[in-house]
Amino acid sequence: MEQSAEEKQEQFGKKHLTESGIAYSAAALFTVVLSLLLSAVGSAAGEGYEKQNWYLYLAYLCAQIAFAGAAALYFIRSKESFKAPFQRCHPKYFLIALLLQFGLLFSLSELNGLFISLLGKAGYHSQGVDVPELAGWNLLPAVLVIGLLPAFFEELLFRGVLARNMRGSGWGLLPVLLLSGAMFSLFHGRPEQTIYQFLCGICFSLVALRAGSILPTVLAHFCNNAVILILAACGVGELSALPMGAYLGLIIPSAVCFVLVLVYLVFFDKRGNGRGKLVYGVEFTVAAGGGLLICAIEWIAALVMGFVHG
């Protein structure tokens, strides 16, 4: 007896949602394995390898290889076209993504600074993130490896695979935004950046779902990474260290952009709206469970280390 069209759609959704969870777990596992291999190579190279440019570049590349491998695993197993997340979309979404990123990068990151201050008062000490040499022409390979590659592969996995299939399987918009944002934040394993990355994950997912494509969020994600690297290369650390005029000239317009764009996306752009239910939630949780466990252990370990070294 042949399946009905509705039954085939359900099976399609179940398969793609499960494969999305498997991809998330694969990305976490691949990252751990590659990091261990790189550490072994670094240890053989001698003391102080963690600060060497070659090691730092390879560390960033390992993460992107893990994302690429997980995405490839998804597209091979699901038999879905690699082009599916890269649909053409209305040009307005590129502007929307950039304006939203402007708000996230400046006004929202300053709010996250308050959260970091609270952690510091509790005894937490941020471990920081090492980057390769950024002076002069060294900035170009850094922008490629730390700016462009993560923008492409992280958006492909988190928005192009996870968020897209959650919504495509019939989940409501709000659960998709919250869960995909939480999984994005948890994966990065940096407690002091948890709130900022959670909100970035929500905003990127919202833009990608409204646009029906991850192209706008790839652009915004790249701009975020590139601006951070350029500011670091110019010796700009905390925005609060800027002259008051320059500081307010960034924070106020960015806050206005952030609020106005969110208002438009939530209340005026209705594309992709509609109620849903968490169909195949158990299957997805089982498939993504390994990755969630790995990421949770790494997040907790980073939190403990922050307090120990504080």
C-alpha atoms as a PDB file:
ATOM      1  CA  MET A   1       0.000   0.000   0.000  1.00  0.00           C
ATOM      2  CA  GLU A   2       1.433   3.330  -1.063  1.00  0.00           C
ATOM      3  CA  GLN A   3       2.044   6.109   1.457  1.00  0.00           C
ATOM      4  CA  SER A   4      -0.075   9.245   1.283  1.00  0.00           C
ATOM      5  CA  ALA A   5       1.499  12.588   0.466  1.00  0.00           C
ATOM      6  CA  GLU A   6       1.139  13.614   4.133  1.00  0.00           C
ATOM      7  CA  GLU A   7       2.874  10.460   5.343  1.00  0.00           C
ATOM      8  CA  LYS A   8       5.716  10.990   2.895  1.00  0.00           C
ATOM      9  CA  GLN A   9       6.079  14.588   4.120  1.00  0.00           C
ATOM     10  CA  GLU A  10       6.222  13.373   7.721  1.00  0.00           C
ATOM     11  CA  GLN A  11       8.876  10.804   6.886  1.00  0.00           C
ATOM     12  CA  PHE A  12      10.829  13.460   4.998  1.00  0.00           C
ATOM     13  CA  GLY A  13      10.693  15.804   7.998  1.00  0.00           C
ATOM     14  CA  LYS A  14      11.651  13.086  10.448  1.00  0.00           C
ATOM     15  CA  LYS A  15      14.642  12.030   8.389  1.00  0.00           C
ATOM     16  CA  HIS A  16      15.993  15.540   7.876  1.00  0.00           C
ATOM     17  CA  LEU A  17      15.481  16.553  11.499  1.00  0.00           C
ATOM     18  CA  THR A  18      17.232  13.415  12.737  1.00  0.00           C
ATOM     19  CA  GLU A  19      20.097  13.924  10.321  1.00  0.00           C
ATOM     20  CA  SER A  20      20.398  17.520  11.556  1.00  0.00           C
ATOM     21  CA  GLY A  21      20.867  16.243  15.104  1.00  0.00           C
ATOM     22  CA  ILE A  22      23.451  13.740  13.927  1.00  0.00           C
ATOM     23  CA  ALA A  23      25.330  16.539  12.151  1.00  0.00           C
ATOM     24  CA  TYR A  24      25.437  18.575  15.377  1.00  0.00           C
ATOM     25  CA  SER A  25      26.831  15.617  17.307  1.00  0.00           C
ATOM     26  CA  ALA A  26      29.319  14.914  14.538  1.00  0.00           C
ATOM     27  CA  ALA A  27      30.551  18.521  14.586  1.00  0.00           C
ATOM     28  CA  ALA A  28      31.172  18.344  18.340  1.00  0.00           C
ATOM     29  CA  LEU A  29      32.930  14.979  18.083  1.00  0.00           C
ATOM     30  CA  PHE A  30      35.049  15.982  15.077  1.00  0.00           C
ATOM     31  CA  THR A  31      36.117  19.159  16.896  1.00  0.00           C
ATOM     32  CA  VAL A  32      37.303  17.212  19.947  1.00  0.00           C
ATOM     33  CA  VAL A  33      39.165  14.601  17.891  1.00  0.00           C
ATOM     34  CA  LEU A  34      40.900  17.161  15.688  1.00  0.00           C
ATOM     35  CA  SER A  35      41.820  19.295  18.700  1.00  0.00           C
ATOM     36  CA  LEU A  36      43.401  16.305  20.425  1.00  0.00           C
ATOM     37  CA  LEU A  37      45.370  15.426  17.301  1.00  0.00           C
ATOM     38  CA  LEU A  38      46.553  19.005  16.932  1.00  0.00           C
ATOM     39  CA  SER A  39      47.606  19.114  20.595  1.00  0.00           C
ATOM     40  CA  ALA A  40      49.635  15.955  20.085  1.00  0.00           C
ATOM     41  CA  VAL A  41      51.371  17.514  17.088  1.00  0.00           C
ATOM     42  CA  GLY A  42      51.972  20.708  19.031  1.00  0.00           C
ATOM     43  CA  SER A  43      53.438  18.866  22.006  1.00  0.00           C
ATOM     44  CA  ALA A  44      55.882  17.137  19.710  1.00  0.00           C
ATOM     45  CA  ALA A  45      56.935  20.511  18.307  1.00  0.00           C
ATOM     46  CA  GLY A  46      58.193  21.756  21.659  1.00  0.00           C
ATOM     47  CA  GLU A  47      57.285  24.034  24.540  1.00  0.00           C
ATOM     48  CA  GLY A  48      55.242  27.165  23.897  1.00  0.00           C
ATOM     49  CA  TYR A  49      53.562  25.812  20.778  1.00  0.00           C
ATOM     50  CA  GLU A  50      50.151  27.151  21.929  1.00  0.00           C
ATOM     51  CA  LYS A  51      51.215  30.726  21.138  1.00  0.00           C
ATOM     52  CA  GLN A  52      52.806  30.022  17.771  1.00  0.00           C
ATOM     53  CA  ASN A  53      51.087  31.402  14.674  1.00  0.00           C
ATOM     54  CA  TRP A  54      51.075  28.077  12.839  1.00  0.00           C
ATOM     55  CA  TYR A  55      49.371  26.367  15.763  1.00  0.00           C
ATOM     56  CA  LEU A  56      46.748  29.095  16.190  1.00  0.00           C
ATOM     57  CA  TYR A  57      45.865  29.001  12.506  1.00  0.00           C
ATOM     58  CA  LEU A  58      45.584  25.218  12.561  1.00  0.00           C
ATOM     59  CA  ALA A  59      43.392  25.395  15.660  1.00  0.00           C
ATOM     60  CA  TYR A  60      40.930  27.670  13.862  1.00  0.00           C
ATOM     61  CA  LEU A  61      41.107  25.520  10.728  1.00  0.00           C
ATOM     62  CA  CYS A  62      40.398  22.351  12.709  1.00  0.00           C
ATOM     63  CA  ALA A  63      37.129  23.823  13.949  1.00  0.00           C
ATOM     64  CA  GLN A  64      36.062  24.720  10.422  1.00  0.00           C
ATOM     65  CA  ILE A  65      37.080  21.309   9.084  1.00  0.00           C
ATOM     66  CA  ALA A  66      34.848  19.801  11.763  1.00  0.00           C
ATOM     67  CA  PHE A  67      31.909  21.991  10.702  1.00  0.00           C
ATOM     68  CA  ALA A  68      32.525  21.224   7.036  1.00  0.00           C
ATOM     69  CA  GLY A  69      32.731  17.497   7.737  1.00  0.00           C
ATOM     70  CA  ALA A  70      29.505  17.542   9.756  1.00  0.00           C
ATOM     71  CA  ALA A  71      27.673  19.495   7.047  1.00  0.00           C
ATOM     72  CA  ALA A  72      28.974  17.128   4.367  1.00  0.00           C
ATOM     73  CA  LEU A  73      27.788  14.178   6.453  1.00  0.00           C
ATOM     74  CA  TYR A  74      24.325  15.707   6.621  1.00  0.00           C
ATOM     75  CA  PHE A  75      24.012  16.380   2.890  1.00  0.00           C
ATOM     76  CA  ILE A  76      25.326  12.927   1.982  1.00  0.00           C
ATOM     77  CA  ARG A  77      23.079  11.043   4.388  1.00  0.00           C
ATOM     78  CA  SER A  78      19.951  13.162   3.790  1.00  0.00           C
ATOM     79  CA  LYS A  79      20.512  13.242   0.027  1.00  0.00           C
ATOM     80  CA  GLU A  80      19.522  16.908   0.064  1.00  0.00           C
ATOM     81  CA  SER A  81      21.128  19.358  -2.334  1.00  0.00           C
ATOM     82  CA  PHE A  82      24.012  21.394  -0.911  1.00  0.00           C
ATOM     83  CA  LYS A  83      22.441  24.437  -2.594  1.00  0.00           C
ATOM     84  CA  ALA A  84      19.249  24.225  -0.500  1.00  0.00           C
ATOM     85  CA  PRO A  85      20.346  26.708   2.230  1.00  0.00           C
ATOM     86  CA  PHE A  86      21.728  29.146  -0.362  1.00  0.00           C
ATOM     87  CA  GLN A  87      18.511  30.173  -2.095  1.00  0.00           C
ATOM     88  CA  ARG A  88      18.244  33.565  -3.740  1.00  0.00           C
ATOM     89  CA  CYS A  89      16.445  36.033  -1.502  1.00  0.00           C
ATOM     90  CA  HIS A  90      15.202  39.609  -1.574  1.00  0.00           C
ATOM     91  CA  PRO A  91      18.146  42.060  -1.425  1.00  0.00           C
ATOM     92  CA  LYS A  92      16.570  43.820   1.568  1.00  0.00           C
ATOM     93  CA  TYR A  93      17.618  40.940   3.803  1.00  0.00           C
ATOM     94  CA  PHE A  94      21.296  41.688   3.238  1.00  0.00           C
ATOM     95  CA  LEU A  95      20.741  45.226   4.502  1.00  0.00           C
ATOM     96  CA  ILE A  96      18.618  43.918   7.376  1.00  0.00           C
ATOM     97  CA  ALA A  97      21.324  41.439   8.359  1.00  0.00           C
ATOM     98  CA  LEU A  98      24.045  44.098   8.285  1.00  0.00           C
ATOM     99  CA  LEU A  99      22.023  46.599  10.329  1.00  0.00           C
ATOM    100  CA  LEU A 100      21.153  43.918  12.842  1.00  0.00           C
ATOM    101  CA  GLN A 101      24.792  42.894  13.093  1.00  0.00           C
ATOM    102  CA  PHE A 102      25.771  46.519  13.658  1.00  0.00           C
ATOM    103  CA  GLY A 103      23.451  46.521  16.651  1.00  0.00           C
ATOM    104  CA  LEU A 104      24.685  43.178  17.925  1.00  0.00           C
ATOM    105  CA  LEU A 105      28.358  44.026  17.591  1.00  0.00           C
ATOM    106  CA  PHE A 106      28.318  47.299  19.479  1.00  0.00           C
ATOM    107  CA  SER A 107      25.287  47.980  21.663  1.00  0.00           C
ATOM    108  CA  LEU A 108      24.549  44.355  22.557  1.00  0.00           C
ATOM    109  CA  SER A 109      28.174  43.446  23.145  1.00  0.00           C
ATOM    110  CA  GLU A 110      28.366  46.311  25.633  1.00  0.00           C
ATOM    111  CA  LEU A 111      25.411  44.838  27.499  1.00  0.00           C
ATOM    112  CA  ASN A 112      27.237  41.522  27.513  1.00  0.00           C
ATOM    113  CA  GLY A 113      30.123  43.390  29.119  1.00  0.00           C
ATOM    114  CA  LEU A 114      27.902  43.938  32.149  1.00  0.00           C
ATOM    115  CA  PHE A 115      27.358  40.188  32.398  1.00  0.00           C
ATOM    116  CA  ILE A 116      31.119  39.636  32.235  1.00  0.00           C
ATOM    117  CA  SER A 117      31.581  42.196  35.014  1.00  0.00           C
ATOM    118  CA  LEU A 118      29.110  40.304  37.195  1.00  0.00           C
ATOM    119  CA  LEU A 119      30.990  37.065  36.581  1.00  0.00           C
ATOM    120  CA  GLY A 120      34.219  38.835  37.476  1.00  0.00           C
ATOM    121  CA  LYS A 121      32.783  40.026  40.784  1.00  0.00           C
ATOM    122  CA  ALA A 122      31.856  36.411  41.519  1.00  0.00           C
ATOM    123  CA  GLY A 123      35.481  35.389  40.991  1.00  0.00           C
ATOM    124  CA  TYR A 124      35.392  34.314  37.372  1.00  0.00           C
ATOM    125  CA  HIS A 125      38.409  35.116  35.208  1.00  0.00           C
ATOM    126  CA  SER A 126      37.980  35.043  31.433  1.00  0.00           C
ATOM    127  CA  GLN A 127      40.515  32.788  29.740  1.00  0.00           C
ATOM    128  CA  GLY A 128      40.452  34.912  26.602  1.00  0.00           C
ATOM    129  CA  VAL A 129      41.010  33.766  23.039  1.00  0.00           C
ATOM    130  CA  ASP A 130      44.427  33.686  21.400  1.00  0.00           C
ATOM    131  CA  VAL A 131      44.655  34.961  17.818  1.00  0.00           C
ATOM    132  CA  PRO A 132      47.586  34.918  15.384  1.00  0.00           C
ATOM    133  CA  GLU A 133      49.705  37.962  14.656  1.00  0.00           C
ATOM    134  CA  LEU A 134      47.497  40.689  13.145  1.00  0.00           C
ATOM    135  CA  ALA A 135      50.009  43.448  12.350  1.00  0.00           C
ATOM    136  CA  GLY A 136      50.387  44.576   8.737  1.00  0.00           C
ATOM    137  CA  TRP A 137      49.697  42.012   6.041  1.00  0.00           C
ATOM    138  CA  ASN A 138      49.186  39.322   8.685  1.00  0.00           C
ATOM    139  CA  LEU A 139      45.658  40.652   9.006  1.00  0.00           C
ATOM    140  CA  LEU A 140      44.661  39.250   5.590  1.00  0.00           C
ATOM    141  CA  PRO A 141      45.104  35.511   6.326  1.00  0.00           C
ATOM    142  CA  ALA A 142      43.518  36.094   9.734  1.00  0.00           C
ATOM    143  CA  VAL A 143      40.421  37.628   8.127  1.00  0.00           C
ATOM    144  CA  LEU A 144      40.197  34.631   5.786  1.00  0.00           C
ATOM    145  CA  VAL A 145      40.701  31.878   8.362  1.00  0.00           C
ATOM    146  CA  ILE A 146      39.070  33.482  11.408  1.00  0.00           C
ATOM    147  CA  GLY A 147      36.601  35.730   9.600  1.00  0.00           C
ATOM    148  CA  LEU A 148      35.340  34.169   6.380  1.00  0.00           C
ATOM    149  CA  LEU A 149      35.549  30.408   6.983  1.00  0.00           C
ATOM    150  CA  PRO A 150      33.645  30.434  10.306  1.00  0.00           C
ATOM    151  CA  ALA A 151      31.014  32.741   8.799  1.00  0.00           C
ATOM    152  CA  PHE A 152      30.405  30.266   6.000  1.00  0.00           C
ATOM    153  CA  PHE A 153      30.589  26.922   7.789  1.00  0.00           C
ATOM    154  CA  GLU A 154      28.919  27.944  11.057  1.00  0.00           C
ATOM    155  CA  GLU A 155      26.016  29.496   9.192  1.00  0.00           C
ATOM    156  CA  LEU A 156      25.742  26.419   7.001  1.00  0.00           C
ATOM    157  CA  LEU A 157      25.467  24.089   9.988  1.00  0.00           C
ATOM    158  CA  PHE A 158      23.510  26.147  12.505  1.00  0.00           C
ATOM    159  CA  ARG A 159      21.163  28.093  10.241  1.00  0.00           C
ATOM    160  CA  GLY A 160      21.319  26.169   6.965  1.00  0.00           C
ATOM    161  CA  VAL A 161      20.891  22.725   8.519  1.00  0.00           C
ATOM    162  CA  LEU A 162      19.636  22.975  12.100  1.00  0.00           C
ATOM    163  CA  ALA A 163      17.292  25.993  12.144  1.00  0.00           C
ATOM    164  CA  ARG A 164      16.010  25.395   8.616  1.00  0.00           C
ATOM    165  CA  ASN A 165      15.092  21.773   9.296  1.00  0.00           C
ATOM    166  CA  MET A 166      13.579  22.510  12.699  1.00  0.00           C
ATOM    167  CA  ARG A 167      11.213  24.997  11.071  1.00  0.00           C
ATOM    168  CA  GLY A 168      10.742  22.855   7.967  1.00  0.00           C
ATOM    169  CA  SER A 169       9.689  19.909  10.122  1.00  0.00           C
ATOM    170  CA  GLY A 170       6.821  21.917  11.569  1.00  0.00           C
ATOM    171  CA  TRP A 171       8.312  23.408  14.735  1.00  0.00           C
ATOM    172  CA  GLY A 172       7.017  26.814  15.806  1.00  0.00           C
ATOM    173  CA  LEU A 173       9.176  29.831  15.113  1.00  0.00           C
ATOM    174  CA  LEU A 174       9.877  30.659  18.768  1.00  0.00           C
ATOM    175  CA  PRO A 175      11.116  27.171  19.776  1.00  0.00           C
ATOM    176  CA  VAL A 176      13.337  27.123  16.687  1.00  0.00           C
ATOM    177  CA  LEU A 177      14.895  30.473  17.545  1.00  0.00           C
ATOM    178  CA  LEU A 178      15.461  29.626  21.198  1.00  0.00           C
ATOM    179  CA  LEU A 179      16.818  26.122  20.672  1.00  0.00           C
ATOM    180  CA  SER A 180      19.045  26.927  17.708  1.00  0.00           C
ATOM    181  CA  GLY A 181      20.381  29.974  19.569  1.00  0.00           C
ATOM    182  CA  ALA A 182      21.125  27.885  22.653  1.00  0.00           C
ATOM    183  CA  MET A 183      22.873  25.169  20.624  1.00  0.00           C
ATOM    184  CA  PHE A 184      24.947  27.800  18.823  1.00  0.00           C
ATOM    185  CA  SER A 185      25.986  29.439  22.097  1.00  0.00           C
ATOM    186  CA  LEU A 186      26.715  26.168  23.891  1.00  0.00           C
ATOM    187  CA  PHE A 187      28.887  24.914  21.049  1.00  0.00           C
ATOM    188  CA  HIS A 188      31.328  27.805  21.457  1.00  0.00           C
ATOM    189  CA  GLY A 189      32.048  26.805  25.049  1.00  0.00           C
ATOM    190  CA  ARG A 190      32.766  30.295  26.388  1.00  0.00           C
ATOM    191  CA  PRO A 191      30.672  31.048  29.500  1.00  0.00           C
ATOM    192  CA  GLU A 192      31.421  34.781  29.422  1.00  0.00           C
ATOM    193  CA  GLN A 193      30.048  35.017  25.869  1.00  0.00           C
ATOM    194  CA  THR A 194      27.016  32.799  26.436  1.00  0.00           C
ATOM    195  CA  ILE A 195      24.385  35.557  26.443  1.00  0.00           C
ATOM    196  CA  TYR A 196      25.868  37.423  23.477  1.00  0.00           C
ATOM    197  CA  GLN A 197      26.227  34.300  21.341  1.00  0.00           C
ATOM    198  CA  PHE A 198      22.772  33.085  22.347  1.00  0.00           C
ATOM    199  CA  LEU A 199      21.210  36.341  21.155  1.00  0.00           C
ATOM    200  CA  CYS A 200      23.346  36.322  17.996  1.00  0.00           C
ATOM    201  CA  GLY A 201      22.150  32.792  17.284  1.00  0.00           C
ATOM    202  CA  ILE A 202      18.524  33.840  17.707  1.00  0.00           C
ATOM    203  CA  CYS A 203      18.917  36.897  15.474  1.00  0.00           C
ATOM    204  CA  PHE A 204      20.787  35.035  12.734  1.00  0.00           C
ATOM    205  CA  SER A 205      18.185  32.266  12.715  1.00  0.00           C
ATOM    206  CA  LEU A 206      15.377  34.829  12.495  1.00  0.00           C
ATOM    207  CA  VAL A 207      16.988  36.566   9.509  1.00  0.00           C
ATOM    208  CA  ALA A 208      17.766  33.284   7.737  1.00  0.00           C
ATOM    209  CA  LEU A 209      14.219  31.977   8.188  1.00  0.00           C
ATOM    210  CA  ARG A 210      12.652  35.249   7.041  1.00  0.00           C
ATOM    211  CA  ALA A 211      14.954  35.391   4.012  1.00  0.00           C
ATOM    212  CA  GLY A 212      14.660  31.689   3.194  1.00  0.00           C
ATOM    213  CA  SER A 213      18.433  31.687   2.750  1.00  0.00           C
ATOM    214  CA  ILE A 214      21.613  31.834   4.830  1.00  0.00           C
ATOM    215  CA  LEU A 215      23.369  34.183   2.396  1.00  0.00           C
ATOM    216  CA  PRO A 216      22.479  37.351   4.375  1.00  0.00           C
ATOM    217  CA  THR A 217      23.653  35.833   7.668  1.00  0.00           C
ATOM    218  CA  VAL A 218      26.907  34.601   6.118  1.00  0.00           C
ATOM    219  CA  LEU A 219      27.614  38.216   5.136  1.00  0.00           C
ATOM    220  CA  ALA A 220      26.659  39.564   8.578  1.00  0.00           C
ATOM    221  CA  HIS A 221      28.649  36.877  10.394  1.00  0.00           C
ATOM    222  CA  PHE A 222      31.716  37.643   8.277  1.00  0.00           C
ATOM    223  CA  CYS A 223      31.415  41.362   8.958  1.00  0.00           C
ATOM    224  CA  ASN A 224      31.182  40.653  12.687  1.00  0.00           C
ATOM    225  CA  ASN A 225      34.367  38.577  12.660  1.00  0.00           C
ATOM    226  CA  ALA A 226      36.262  40.907  10.334  1.00  0.00           C
ATOM    227  CA  VAL A 227      35.435  44.064  12.302  1.00  0.00           C
ATOM    228  CA  ILE A 228      36.556  42.426  15.559  1.00  0.00           C
ATOM    229  CA  LEU A 229      39.867  41.425  13.962  1.00  0.00           C
ATOM    230  CA  ILE A 230      40.400  44.876  12.441  1.00  0.00           C
ATOM    231  CA  LEU A 231      39.681  46.598  15.749  1.00  0.00           C
ATOM    232  CA  ALA A 232      42.113  44.239  17.499  1.00  0.00           C
ATOM    233  CA  ALA A 233      44.767  44.948  14.844  1.00  0.00           C
ATOM    234  CA  CYS A 234      44.263  48.673  15.482  1.00  0.00           C
ATOM    235  CA  GLY A 235      44.701  48.177  19.208  1.00  0.00           C
ATOM    236  CA  VAL A 236      41.071  48.838  20.108  1.00  0.00           C
ATOM    237  CA  GLY A 237      40.055  46.526  22.922  1.00  0.00           C
ATOM    238  CA  GLU A 238      37.141  47.719  25.033  1.00  0.00           C
ATOM    239  CA  LEU A 239      34.832  50.223  23.342  1.00  0.00           C
ATOM    240  CA  SER A 240      34.539  52.071  26.629  1.00  0.00           C
ATOM    241  CA  ALA A 241      38.201  53.065  26.196  1.00  0.00           C
ATOM    242  CA  LEU A 242      37.249  55.210  23.194  1.00  0.00           C
ATOM    243  CA  PRO A 243      36.668  58.958  23.599  1.00  0.00           C
ATOM    244  CA  MET A 244      33.143  59.631  24.845  1.00  0.00           C
ATOM    245  CA  GLY A 245      32.045  61.185  21.550  1.00  0.00           C
ATOM    246  CA  ALA A 246      33.219  58.218  19.495  1.00  0.00           C
ATOM    247  CA  TYR A 247      31.766  55.792  22.031  1.00  0.00           C
ATOM    248  CA  LEU A 248      28.299  57.342  21.963  1.00  0.00           C
ATOM    249  CA  GLY A 249      28.547  57.723  18.187  1.00  0.00           C
ATOM    250  CA  LEU A 250      28.723  53.933  17.950  1.00  0.00           C
ATOM    251  CA  ILE A 251      26.495  52.780  20.783  1.00  0.00           C
ATOM    252  CA  ILE A 252      23.441  54.977  20.197  1.00  0.00           C
ATOM    253  CA  PRO A 253      23.042  54.362  16.423  1.00  0.00           C
ATOM    254  CA  SER A 254      23.742  50.647  16.872  1.00  0.00           C
ATOM    255  CA  ALA A 255      21.092  50.355  19.598  1.00  0.00           C
ATOM    256  CA  VAL A 256      18.573  52.162  17.396  1.00  0.00           C
ATOM    257  CA  CYS A 257      19.374  49.870  14.436  1.00  0.00           C
ATOM    258  CA  PHE A 258      19.057  46.782  16.606  1.00  0.00           C
ATOM    259  CA  VAL A 259      15.647  47.726  17.985  1.00  0.00           C
ATOM    260  CA  LEU A 260      14.168  48.941  14.688  1.00  0.00           C
ATOM    261  CA  VAL A 261      15.308  45.892  12.719  1.00  0.00           C
ATOM    262  CA  LEU A 262      13.971  43.506  15.341  1.00  0.00           C
ATOM    263  CA  VAL A 263      10.641  45.321  15.408  1.00  0.00           C
ATOM    264  CA  TYR A 264      10.402  44.995  11.625  1.00  0.00           C
ATOM    265  CA  LEU A 265      11.355  41.304  11.591  1.00  0.00           C
ATOM    266  CA  VAL A 266       9.009  40.364  14.423  1.00  0.00           C
ATOM    267  CA  PHE A 267       5.940  42.520  13.761  1.00  0.00           C
ATOM    268  CA  PHE A 268       5.992  43.424  10.068  1.00  0.00           C
ATOM    269  CA  ASP A 269       7.815  40.632   8.220  1.00  0.00           C
ATOM    270  CA  LYS A 270       5.512  37.644   8.624  1.00  0.00           C
ATOM    271  CA  ARG A 271       7.343  35.254   6.292  1.00  0.00           C
ATOM    272  CA  GLY A 272       7.826  31.885   7.930  1.00  0.00           C
ATOM    273  CA  ASN A 273       5.283  32.570  10.687  1.00  0.00           C
ATOM    274  CA  GLY A 274       2.766  30.027  11.811  1.00  0.00           C
ATOM    275  CA  ARG A 275       2.228  27.834  14.798  1.00  0.00           C
ATOM    276  CA  GLY A 276       3.833  24.470  15.043  1.00  0.00           C
ATOM    277  CA  LYS A 277       4.628  21.668  17.416  1.00  0.00           C
ATOM    278  CA  LEU A 278       7.829  19.876  18.350  1.00  0.00           C
ATOM    279  CA  VAL A 279       7.318  16.894  16.099  1.00  0.00           C
ATOM    280  CA  TYR A 280      10.062  14.258  16.297  1.00  0.00           C
ATOM    281  CA  GLY A 281      11.512  16.063  19.295  1.00  0.00           C
ATOM    282  CA  VAL A 282      12.619  12.779  20.863  1.00  0.00           C
ATOM    283  CA  GLU A 283      14.346  11.636  17.682  1.00  0.00           C
ATOM    284  CA  PHE A 284      16.127  14.952  17.345  1.00  0.00           C
ATOM    285  CA  THR A 285      17.197  14.993  21.006  1.00  0.00           C
ATOM    286  CA  VAL A 286      18.620  11.484  20.746  1.00  0.00           C
ATOM    287  CA  ALA A 287      20.482  12.342  17.538  1.00  0.00           C
ATOM    288  CA  ALA A 288      21.870  15.604  18.911  1.00  0.00           C
ATOM    289  CA  GLY A 289      22.362  14.252  22.443  1.00  0.00           C
ATOM    290  CA  GLY A 290      25.987  13.264  21.964  1.00  0.00           C
ATOM    291  CA  GLY A 291      26.896  16.728  20.727  1.00  0.00           C
ATOM    292  CA  LEU A 292      24.924  18.430  23.479  1.00  0.00           C
ATOM    293  CA  LEU A 293      26.705  16.331  26.095  1.00  0.00           C
ATOM    294  CA  ILE A 294      30.163  17.089  24.690  1.00  0.00           C
ATOM    295  CA  CYS A 295      29.420  20.815  24.455  1.00  0.00           C
ATOM    296  CA  ALA A 296      27.919  20.921  27.956  1.00  0.00           C
ATOM    297  CA  ILE A 297      30.990  19.217  29.444  1.00  0.00           C
ATOM    298  CA  GLU A 298      33.296  21.676  27.671  1.00  0.00           C
ATOM    299  CA  TRP A 299      31.183  24.660  28.799  1.00  0.00           C
ATOM    300  CA  ILE A 300      31.156  23.503  32.421  1.00  0.00           C
ATOM    301  CA  ALA A 301      34.902  22.790  32.310  1.00  0.00           C
ATOM    302  CA  ALA A 302      35.563  26.310  30.986  1.00  0.00           C
ATOM    303  CA  LEU A 303      33.369  27.796  33.724  1.00  0.00           C
ATOM    304  CA  VAL A 304      35.181  25.854  36.448  1.00  0.00           C
ATOM    305  CA  MET A 305      38.588  26.791  35.047  1.00  0.00           C
ATOM    306  CA  GLY A 306      37.532  30.440  35.008  1.00  0.00           C
ATOM    307  CA  PHE A 307      36.745  30.342  38.712  1.00  0.00           C
ATOM    308  CA  VAL A 308      39.818  28.272  39.584  1.00  0.00           C
ATOM    309  CA  HIS A 309      42.178  30.666  37.806  1.00  0.00           C
ATOM    310  CA  GLY A 310      40.236  33.670  39.075  1.00  0.00           C
END
